[in-house]
């Protein structure tokens, strides 16, 4: 059995996290090193290593992640002022955990380019 990713351990409640949404396809929790006043990670419960490795059978869960991100943004009070969704892919893209996740960032003006 392969080692669990950090996010699988959070999913299985082996590591504490501030979970703000959980359903049968994903969970959302606050980032432990926030880069904005609102910084939430939305993670599929079934690990997909990265978006570049997603397959056609993952289409429903990929769409679900974006819909949950929009709902969390509404609940966090940042939907009207705006927010950013980020998916990192691979080491040069900033990926630190090999488990697909969407960053929801908001609560302040975000600059472009991101850096």
N, C-alpha and C. Protein backbone atom coordinates (compact mmCIF):
# COMPACT_ATOMS: atom_id res chain seq x y z
N UNK A 1 0.85 -1.19 0.00
CA UNK A 1 0.00 0.00 0.00
C UNK A 1 0.89 1.24 0.00
N UNK A 2 0.64 2.14 -0.91
CA UNK A 2 1.43 3.37 -1.02
C UNK A 2 1.15 4.28 0.18
N UNK A 3 2.14 5.11 0.49
CA UNK A 3 1.96 6.08 1.57
C UNK A 3 0.84 7.04 1.21
N UNK A 4 0.08 7.45 2.21
CA UNK A 4 -0.98 8.42 1.99
C UNK A 4 -0.37 9.80 1.80
N UNK A 5 -1.04 10.61 0.98
CA UNK A 5 -0.64 12.01 0.87
C UNK A 5 -1.12 12.75 2.11
N UNK A 6 -0.57 13.92 2.31
CA UNK A 6 -0.99 14.78 3.41
C UNK A 6 -2.51 14.98 3.38
N UNK A 7 -3.04 15.19 2.18
CA UNK A 7 -4.47 15.47 2.07
C UNK A 7 -5.32 14.24 2.36
N UNK A 8 -4.82 13.04 2.05
CA UNK A 8 -5.54 11.82 2.42
C UNK A 8 -5.56 11.68 3.95
N UNK A 9 -4.48 12.04 4.60
CA UNK A 9 -4.44 11.97 6.06
C UNK A 9 -5.42 12.97 6.68
N UNK A 10 -5.55 14.15 6.07
CA UNK A 10 -6.55 15.11 6.53
C UNK A 10 -7.95 14.56 6.29
N UNK A 11 -8.19 14.01 5.10
CA UNK A 11 -9.49 13.40 4.78
C UNK A 11 -9.87 12.34 5.81
N UNK A 12 -8.89 11.55 6.21
CA UNK A 12 -9.13 10.45 7.15
C UNK A 12 -9.05 10.88 8.61
N UNK A 13 -8.93 12.18 8.84
CA UNK A 13 -8.87 12.77 10.19
C UNK A 13 -7.69 12.26 11.00
N UNK A 14 -6.60 11.91 10.32
CA UNK A 14 -5.37 11.52 10.99
C UNK A 14 -4.53 12.75 11.32
N UNK A 15 -4.76 13.83 10.59
CA UNK A 15 -4.10 15.11 10.82
C UNK A 15 -5.22 16.14 10.97
N UNK A 16 -5.15 16.98 12.00
CA UNK A 16 -6.22 17.96 12.18
C UNK A 16 -6.18 19.04 11.09
N UNK A 17 -7.36 19.52 10.76
CA UNK A 17 -7.50 20.61 9.79
C UNK A 17 -8.81 21.33 10.08
N UNK A 18 -8.87 22.59 9.68
CA UNK A 18 -10.10 23.37 9.81
C UNK A 18 -10.95 23.11 8.58
N UNK A 19 -11.68 22.00 8.62
CA UNK A 19 -12.52 21.60 7.49
C UNK A 19 -13.78 22.44 7.49
N UNK A 20 -14.09 23.05 6.34
CA UNK A 20 -15.27 23.90 6.25
C UNK A 20 -16.32 23.34 5.28
N UNK A 21 -15.96 22.30 4.56
CA UNK A 21 -16.89 21.62 3.66
C UNK A 21 -16.40 20.20 3.45
N UNK A 22 -17.36 19.26 3.46
CA UNK A 22 -17.02 17.88 3.14
C UNK A 22 -18.24 17.22 2.55
N UNK A 23 -18.04 16.52 1.45
CA UNK A 23 -19.10 15.71 0.86
C UNK A 23 -18.47 14.43 0.33
N UNK A 24 -19.19 13.67 -0.46
CA UNK A 24 -18.68 12.38 -0.92
C UNK A 24 -17.57 12.51 -1.97
N UNK A 25 -17.40 13.71 -2.57
CA UNK A 25 -16.40 13.87 -3.62
C UNK A 25 -15.23 14.77 -3.26
N UNK A 26 -15.39 15.61 -2.25
CA UNK A 26 -14.29 16.53 -1.91
C UNK A 26 -14.41 17.03 -0.49
N UNK A 27 -13.33 17.68 -0.06
CA UNK A 27 -13.36 18.41 1.19
C UNK A 27 -12.63 19.72 0.99
N UNK A 28 -13.01 20.69 1.80
CA UNK A 28 -12.39 22.01 1.74
C UNK A 28 -11.95 22.37 3.16
N UNK A 29 -10.73 22.90 3.25
CA UNK A 29 -10.20 23.25 4.57
C UNK A 29 -9.28 24.46 4.42
N UNK A 30 -9.07 25.14 5.53
CA UNK A 30 -8.24 26.34 5.53
C UNK A 30 -6.76 25.96 5.40
N UNK A 31 -6.04 26.71 4.58
CA UNK A 31 -4.61 26.49 4.40
C UNK A 31 -3.88 26.87 5.69
N UNK A 32 -2.89 26.08 6.08
CA UNK A 32 -2.16 26.38 7.32
C UNK A 32 -1.16 27.51 7.16
N UNK A 33 -0.86 27.88 5.92
CA UNK A 33 0.05 29.01 5.65
C UNK A 33 -0.65 29.94 4.66
N UNK A 34 -1.70 30.63 5.12
CA UNK A 34 -2.52 31.42 4.19
C UNK A 34 -1.75 32.54 3.50
N UNK A 35 -2.06 32.70 2.22
CA UNK A 35 -1.46 33.75 1.40
C UNK A 35 -2.42 34.91 1.18
N UNK A 36 -3.59 34.83 1.78
CA UNK A 36 -4.62 35.88 1.71
C UNK A 36 -5.52 35.68 2.93
N UNK A 37 -6.33 36.69 3.27
CA UNK A 37 -7.23 36.54 4.41
C UNK A 37 -8.12 35.29 4.31
N UNK A 38 -8.56 34.96 3.10
CA UNK A 38 -9.26 33.70 2.86
C UNK A 38 -8.36 32.87 1.97
N UNK A 39 -7.95 31.71 2.47
CA UNK A 39 -7.14 30.77 1.69
C UNK A 39 -7.61 29.37 2.07
N UNK A 40 -8.38 28.80 1.16
CA UNK A 40 -9.00 27.49 1.38
C UNK A 40 -8.51 26.55 0.28
N UNK A 41 -8.26 25.31 0.65
CA UNK A 41 -7.92 24.27 -0.32
C UNK A 41 -9.13 23.38 -0.52
N UNK A 42 -9.45 23.11 -1.78
CA UNK A 42 -10.55 22.20 -2.14
C UNK A 42 -9.89 20.99 -2.79
N UNK A 43 -10.10 19.82 -2.20
CA UNK A 43 -9.35 18.61 -2.53
C UNK A 43 -10.32 17.47 -2.84
N UNK A 44 -10.11 16.74 -3.93
CA UNK A 44 -10.96 15.57 -4.17
C UNK A 44 -10.66 14.50 -3.12
N UNK A 45 -11.68 13.79 -2.68
CA UNK A 45 -11.46 12.73 -1.70
C UNK A 45 -10.68 11.57 -2.31
N UNK A 46 -10.90 11.30 -3.58
CA UNK A 46 -10.11 10.27 -4.28
C UNK A 46 -8.92 10.98 -4.88
N UNK A 47 -7.71 10.58 -4.49
CA UNK A 47 -6.55 11.33 -4.96
C UNK A 47 -6.33 11.22 -6.47
N UNK A 48 -6.10 12.36 -7.06
CA UNK A 48 -5.63 12.51 -8.43
C UNK A 48 -4.30 13.23 -8.25
N UNK A 49 -3.18 12.66 -8.69
CA UNK A 49 -1.88 13.28 -8.38
C UNK A 49 -1.77 14.75 -8.79
N UNK A 50 -2.25 15.10 -9.98
CA UNK A 50 -2.21 16.49 -10.43
C UNK A 50 -3.17 16.63 -11.59
N UNK A 51 -3.54 17.85 -11.89
CA UNK A 51 -4.53 18.10 -12.94
C UNK A 51 -4.05 17.55 -14.28
N UNK A 52 -2.76 17.59 -14.52
CA UNK A 52 -2.21 17.06 -15.77
C UNK A 52 -2.31 15.55 -15.89
N UNK A 53 -2.65 14.89 -14.80
CA UNK A 53 -2.81 13.43 -14.83
C UNK A 53 -4.28 13.02 -14.73
N UNK A 54 -5.17 14.00 -14.71
CA UNK A 54 -6.61 13.69 -14.67
C UNK A 54 -7.02 12.99 -15.96
N UNK A 55 -8.01 12.15 -15.86
CA UNK A 55 -8.51 11.40 -17.01
C UNK A 55 -9.96 11.78 -17.27
N UNK A 56 -10.50 11.32 -18.38
CA UNK A 56 -11.87 11.68 -18.75
C UNK A 56 -12.87 11.26 -17.66
N UNK A 57 -12.59 10.18 -16.95
CA UNK A 57 -13.48 9.74 -15.88
C UNK A 57 -13.46 10.67 -14.67
N UNK A 58 -12.53 11.60 -14.63
CA UNK A 58 -12.43 12.57 -13.53
C UNK A 58 -13.22 13.85 -13.80
N UNK A 59 -13.84 13.93 -14.96
CA UNK A 59 -14.52 15.17 -15.37
C UNK A 59 -15.53 15.65 -14.34
N UNK A 60 -16.36 14.76 -13.82
CA UNK A 60 -17.38 15.18 -12.86
C UNK A 60 -16.77 15.75 -11.59
N UNK A 61 -15.75 15.09 -11.06
CA UNK A 61 -15.15 15.58 -9.82
C UNK A 61 -14.41 16.90 -10.06
N UNK A 62 -13.80 17.06 -11.23
CA UNK A 62 -13.12 18.33 -11.53
C UNK A 62 -14.12 19.48 -11.55
N UNK A 63 -15.24 19.28 -12.19
CA UNK A 63 -16.28 20.30 -12.20
C UNK A 63 -16.82 20.56 -10.80
N UNK A 64 -16.98 19.49 -10.04
CA UNK A 64 -17.49 19.62 -8.66
C UNK A 64 -16.56 20.48 -7.81
N UNK A 65 -15.24 20.32 -7.98
CA UNK A 65 -14.30 21.13 -7.21
C UNK A 65 -14.52 22.62 -7.46
N UNK A 66 -14.77 23.00 -8.72
CA UNK A 66 -14.99 24.41 -9.04
C UNK A 66 -16.32 24.91 -8.48
N UNK A 67 -17.35 24.10 -8.54
CA UNK A 67 -18.64 24.51 -7.97
C UNK A 67 -18.55 24.66 -6.46
N UNK A 68 -17.84 23.77 -5.80
CA UNK A 68 -17.65 23.89 -4.35
C UNK A 68 -16.84 25.14 -4.03
N UNK A 69 -15.81 25.43 -4.83
CA UNK A 69 -15.02 26.65 -4.62
C UNK A 69 -15.92 27.88 -4.67
N UNK A 70 -16.81 27.94 -5.64
CA UNK A 70 -17.72 29.09 -5.76
C UNK A 70 -18.65 29.18 -4.56
N UNK A 71 -19.14 28.04 -4.08
CA UNK A 71 -20.02 28.04 -2.91
C UNK A 71 -19.26 28.47 -1.65
N UNK A 72 -18.06 27.98 -1.48
CA UNK A 72 -17.25 28.38 -0.33
C UNK A 72 -16.95 29.89 -0.40
N UNK A 73 -16.67 30.41 -1.59
CA UNK A 73 -16.44 31.85 -1.74
C UNK A 73 -17.66 32.65 -1.30
N UNK A 74 -18.85 32.18 -1.66
CA UNK A 74 -20.08 32.86 -1.21
C UNK A 74 -20.18 32.83 0.32
N UNK A 75 -19.96 31.66 0.89
CA UNK A 75 -20.07 31.53 2.35
C UNK A 75 -19.02 32.35 3.09
N UNK A 76 -17.84 32.50 2.48
CA UNK A 76 -16.75 33.27 3.10
C UNK A 76 -16.90 34.77 2.87
N UNK A 77 -17.89 35.18 2.08
CA UNK A 77 -18.16 36.59 1.86
C UNK A 77 -17.24 37.26 0.85
N UNK A 78 -16.63 36.48 -0.06
CA UNK A 78 -15.71 37.08 -1.03
C UNK A 78 -16.21 36.95 -2.47
N UNK A 79 -17.38 36.40 -2.66
CA UNK A 79 -17.87 36.16 -4.02
C UNK A 79 -18.09 37.47 -4.78
N UNK A 80 -18.60 38.48 -4.12
CA UNK A 80 -18.90 39.74 -4.80
C UNK A 80 -17.65 40.56 -5.09
N UNK A 81 -16.73 40.60 -4.13
CA UNK A 81 -15.52 41.42 -4.33
C UNK A 81 -14.51 40.75 -5.24
N UNK A 82 -14.57 39.43 -5.32
CA UNK A 82 -13.68 38.68 -6.21
C UNK A 82 -12.72 37.79 -5.47
N UNK A 83 -12.26 36.79 -6.19
CA UNK A 83 -11.34 35.81 -5.62
C UNK A 83 -10.57 35.17 -6.75
N UNK A 84 -9.57 34.40 -6.39
CA UNK A 84 -8.75 33.71 -7.38
C UNK A 84 -8.76 32.22 -7.07
N UNK A 85 -8.83 31.41 -8.13
CA UNK A 85 -8.68 29.97 -8.03
C UNK A 85 -7.36 29.60 -8.69
N UNK A 86 -6.56 28.79 -8.00
CA UNK A 86 -5.25 28.40 -8.51
C UNK A 86 -5.12 26.89 -8.41
N UNK A 87 -4.64 26.27 -9.49
CA UNK A 87 -4.29 24.85 -9.48
C UNK A 87 -2.84 24.77 -9.96
N UNK A 88 -1.96 24.32 -9.09
CA UNK A 88 -0.55 24.14 -9.44
C UNK A 88 -0.36 22.76 -10.04
N UNK A 89 0.51 22.65 -11.04
CA UNK A 89 0.78 21.37 -11.69
C UNK A 89 2.28 21.16 -11.82
N UNK A 90 2.83 20.24 -11.05
CA UNK A 90 4.25 19.93 -11.13
C UNK A 90 5.12 20.87 -10.32
N UNK A 91 6.35 20.46 -10.10
CA UNK A 91 7.26 21.25 -9.25
C UNK A 91 7.47 22.69 -9.73
N UNK A 92 7.66 22.91 -11.02
CA UNK A 92 7.86 24.28 -11.51
C UNK A 92 6.58 25.11 -11.42
N UNK A 93 5.43 24.45 -11.33
CA UNK A 93 4.17 25.16 -11.18
C UNK A 93 3.83 25.47 -9.73
N UNK A 94 4.69 25.04 -8.81
CA UNK A 94 4.47 25.33 -7.40
C UNK A 94 3.79 24.22 -6.64
N UNK A 95 3.61 23.06 -7.27
CA UNK A 95 2.95 21.95 -6.59
C UNK A 95 3.83 21.43 -5.46
N UNK A 96 3.27 21.39 -4.25
CA UNK A 96 4.01 20.91 -3.09
C UNK A 96 3.49 19.56 -2.60
N UNK A 97 2.23 19.27 -2.87
CA UNK A 97 1.61 18.00 -2.44
C UNK A 97 1.10 17.31 -3.69
N UNK A 98 1.51 16.07 -3.94
CA UNK A 98 1.07 15.37 -5.16
C UNK A 98 -0.35 14.82 -5.03
N UNK A 99 -1.28 15.72 -4.83
CA UNK A 99 -2.71 15.40 -4.73
C UNK A 99 -3.43 16.66 -5.21
N UNK A 100 -4.08 16.56 -6.34
CA UNK A 100 -4.76 17.71 -6.94
C UNK A 100 -5.51 18.52 -5.88
N UNK A 101 -5.37 19.82 -5.94
CA UNK A 101 -6.12 20.70 -5.05
C UNK A 101 -6.27 22.07 -5.69
N UNK A 102 -7.38 22.71 -5.37
CA UNK A 102 -7.69 24.05 -5.85
C UNK A 102 -7.50 25.01 -4.68
N UNK A 103 -6.69 26.04 -4.89
CA UNK A 103 -6.55 27.10 -3.90
C UNK A 103 -7.63 28.15 -4.18
N UNK A 104 -8.38 28.50 -3.16
CA UNK A 104 -9.32 29.61 -3.21
C UNK A 104 -8.71 30.73 -2.38
N UNK A 105 -8.41 31.87 -3.04
CA UNK A 105 -7.76 33.00 -2.38
C UNK A 105 -8.61 34.24 -2.53
N UNK A 106 -8.77 34.98 -1.46
CA UNK A 106 -9.53 36.22 -1.54
C UNK A 106 -9.49 36.98 -0.23
N UNK A 107 -10.29 38.01 -0.18
CA UNK A 107 -10.35 38.84 1.02
C UNK A 107 -9.42 40.04 0.97
N UNK A 108 -8.70 40.20 -0.14
CA UNK A 108 -7.84 41.37 -0.39
C UNK A 108 -7.65 41.48 -1.89
N UNK A 109 -7.16 42.61 -2.34
CA UNK A 109 -6.87 42.78 -3.75
C UNK A 109 -5.67 41.92 -4.10
N UNK A 110 -5.81 41.09 -5.11
CA UNK A 110 -4.74 40.20 -5.55
C UNK A 110 -4.06 40.81 -6.76
N UNK A 111 -2.76 40.78 -6.76
CA UNK A 111 -1.97 41.39 -7.84
C UNK A 111 -1.80 40.44 -9.01
N UNK A 112 -1.44 40.99 -10.17
CA UNK A 112 -1.13 40.20 -11.34
C UNK A 112 0.12 40.78 -11.99
N UNK A 113 1.07 40.03 -12.42
CA UNK A 113 1.11 38.57 -12.35
C UNK A 113 1.38 38.10 -10.93
N UNK A 114 1.00 36.84 -10.64
CA UNK A 114 1.10 36.35 -9.26
C UNK A 114 2.52 36.11 -8.78
N UNK A 115 3.50 35.86 -9.65
CA UNK A 115 4.87 35.72 -9.19
C UNK A 115 5.44 34.34 -9.28
